[in-house]
Each structure stands twice: as C-alpha cells, then as structure tokens.
Amino acid sequence: MSDSPSTLPLSIQEAQHQVDQWIRTIGVRYFNEMTNLAQLVEEVGEVARILSRTCGEQSSKPGESPGELSDELADVLFVTICLANQSGIDLTEALRRNLDKKTKRDAIRHKTNPKLN
C-alpha cells in the first residue's frame, strides 16, 4: 500500500508551496500582513488557552472542551508560513540560520545553567 500525499513527510519548503497554492486557489489572496499578524496572535492565544487548561492551573468551564492543541499549533504554523511567503522568506534557510545562531551563542550556556540541572 503506498502512502497518500497527505501522509508523506512534508518539508518546510513544500509546506510553503502548498500553503501558497491553497491561498491562490481556495483562499483567493493573502490577507495583508497586519491582518495575518492579528490572526497569528489569535491562534497563539488559542494555544495558550489550551495549555493553561491542560498543563496549567486553570480549569475548563463546565461543558467546555479545551480544544485540540495539534490543530491550534498547525494554525500558528499556517499563518507563520503565510507571513513568510508574503515577505519572500525561505523558512528552511531562515531556520537553518537561526539554529546555527543559537548553537554558537548557547554552546555551553544551558549546560552550565544550574537552574536546568
């Protein structure tokens, strides 16, 4: 049995392409950057709400489902990809540079942090 396209691994580059195709065929056009920023903040807030109820000290209201963390994180990723696409940012390269920066900056910092040991 072969994997369907939706179960195959998805690179960041391919995710950026698929989001762009979705926007152009189903979403009609990208929201402007400020609207997407507002969407991103809203989605991060939904992640915070779920985590505060499932991992934090806050409880859900009677009859309230905390929501699905994986779906909300995917929403954050979708809007982040939209902003990257609009800004001409290759997220694969950006993440590589960011990990390199963190590796150089924090090579021993966390290992020697007594709060983490």
Protein backbone atom coordinates (compact mmCIF):
# COMPACT_ATOMS: atom_id res chain seq x y z
CA MET A 1 0.00 0.00 0.00
CA SER A 2 1.50 3.35 -0.97
CA ASP A 3 1.35 6.46 1.13
CA SER A 4 -1.17 9.07 0.11
CA PRO A 5 0.19 12.58 -0.45
CA SER A 6 -1.31 13.70 2.86
CA THR A 7 0.67 11.08 4.84
CA LEU A 8 4.07 11.65 3.21
CA PRO A 9 6.68 13.72 5.08
CA LEU A 10 6.31 17.42 4.37
CA SER A 11 9.40 19.61 4.13
CA ILE A 12 9.21 23.24 5.16
CA GLN A 13 9.79 24.23 1.53
CA GLU A 14 6.92 22.02 0.36
CA ALA A 15 4.69 23.36 3.15
CA GLN A 16 5.39 26.89 1.95
CA HIS A 17 4.48 25.84 -1.59
CA GLN A 18 1.29 24.04 -0.52
CA VAL A 19 0.12 26.98 1.60
CA ASP A 20 0.77 29.32 -1.33
CA GLN A 21 -1.20 27.06 -3.68
CA TRP A 22 -4.06 26.85 -1.16
CA ILE A 23 -4.16 30.62 -0.77
CA ARG A 24 -4.17 31.19 -4.53
CA THR A 25 -6.84 28.57 -5.32
CA ILE A 26 -9.09 28.45 -2.26
CA GLY A 27 -8.22 31.45 -0.12
CA VAL A 28 -8.38 33.82 -3.13
CA ARG A 29 -5.49 36.00 -1.88
CA TYR A 30 -3.27 36.56 1.13
CA PHE A 31 -4.66 38.75 3.89
CA ASN A 32 -2.46 41.79 4.38
CA GLU A 33 0.42 41.42 6.82
CA MET A 34 -1.29 43.27 9.66
CA THR A 35 -4.38 41.05 9.35
CA ASN A 36 -2.14 37.98 9.34
CA LEU A 37 -0.32 39.31 12.40
CA ALA A 38 -3.66 39.64 14.18
CA GLN A 39 -4.55 36.08 13.08
CA LEU A 40 -1.21 34.82 14.40
CA VAL A 41 -1.75 36.47 17.79
CA GLU A 42 -5.27 35.00 17.93
CA GLU A 43 -4.01 31.49 17.16
CA VAL A 44 -1.17 31.75 19.71
CA GLY A 45 -3.81 32.82 22.24
CA GLU A 46 -5.77 29.65 21.47
CA VAL A 47 -2.62 27.58 22.07
CA ALA A 48 -2.15 29.40 25.40
CA ARG A 49 -5.78 28.74 26.40
CA ILE A 50 -5.42 25.02 25.75
CA LEU A 51 -2.12 24.73 27.59
CA SER A 52 -3.34 26.79 30.56
CA ARG A 53 -6.23 24.35 30.95
CA THR A 54 -4.39 21.10 30.25
CA CYS A 55 -0.95 21.78 31.74
CA GLY A 56 -1.51 24.86 33.86
CA GLU A 57 -3.66 25.62 36.84
CA GLN A 58 -6.70 26.92 35.01
CA SER A 59 -9.71 24.64 34.55
CA SER A 60 -12.17 24.50 31.70
CA LYS A 61 -15.66 25.89 32.15
CA PRO A 62 -18.41 23.29 32.54
CA GLY A 63 -19.11 21.75 29.14
CA GLU A 64 -16.11 23.47 27.55
CA SER A 65 -13.61 21.43 25.60
CA PRO A 66 -10.10 22.84 25.90
CA GLY A 67 -9.59 22.28 22.16
CA GLU A 68 -7.08 20.33 20.13
CA LEU A 69 -3.50 21.51 20.65
CA SER A 70 -2.24 19.94 17.42
CA ASP A 71 -4.86 21.79 15.36
CA GLU A 72 -4.08 25.14 17.00
CA LEU A 73 -0.32 24.67 16.54
CA ALA A 74 -1.00 23.86 12.88
CA ASP A 75 -2.99 27.12 12.64
CA VAL A 76 0.02 29.01 14.08
CA LEU A 77 2.27 27.31 11.54
CA PHE A 78 -0.11 28.10 8.65
CA VAL A 79 -0.24 31.81 9.45
CA THR A 80 3.52 31.90 10.04
CA ILE A 81 4.03 30.36 6.60
CA CYS A 82 1.65 32.93 5.09
CA LEU A 83 3.71 35.76 6.58
CA ALA A 84 6.94 34.17 5.35
CA ASN A 85 5.54 33.71 1.84
CA GLN A 86 4.32 37.30 1.72
CA SER A 87 7.72 38.54 2.86
CA GLY A 88 9.73 36.37 0.45
CA ILE A 89 11.32 34.40 3.29
CA ASP A 90 12.60 30.86 2.74
CA LEU A 91 11.77 29.34 6.13
CA THR A 92 14.11 26.39 5.58
CA GLU A 93 17.09 28.72 5.23
CA ALA A 94 15.84 31.02 7.99
CA LEU A 95 15.52 28.09 10.41
CA ARG A 96 18.98 26.79 9.50
CA ARG A 97 20.50 30.23 10.19
CA ASN A 98 18.53 30.53 13.43
CA LEU A 99 19.66 27.11 14.70
CA ASP A 100 23.26 27.97 13.79
CA LYS A 101 22.99 31.26 15.69
CA LYS A 102 21.54 29.51 18.77
CA THR A 103 24.17 26.76 18.63
CA LYS A 104 27.04 29.25 18.57
CA ARG A 105 25.50 31.52 21.19
CA ASP A 106 24.38 28.80 23.59
CA ALA A 107 27.10 26.16 23.07
CA ILE A 108 27.72 25.88 26.83
CA ARG A 109 25.22 28.35 28.31
CA HIS A 110 22.44 25.85 29.03
CA LYS A 111 24.79 23.06 30.10
CA THR A 112 26.25 25.32 32.78
CA ASN A 113 22.94 26.79 33.94
CA PRO A 114 22.31 25.41 37.45
CA LYS A 115 18.57 26.04 37.01
CA LEU A 116 18.50 23.38 34.28
CA ASN A 117 20.49 20.71 36.11
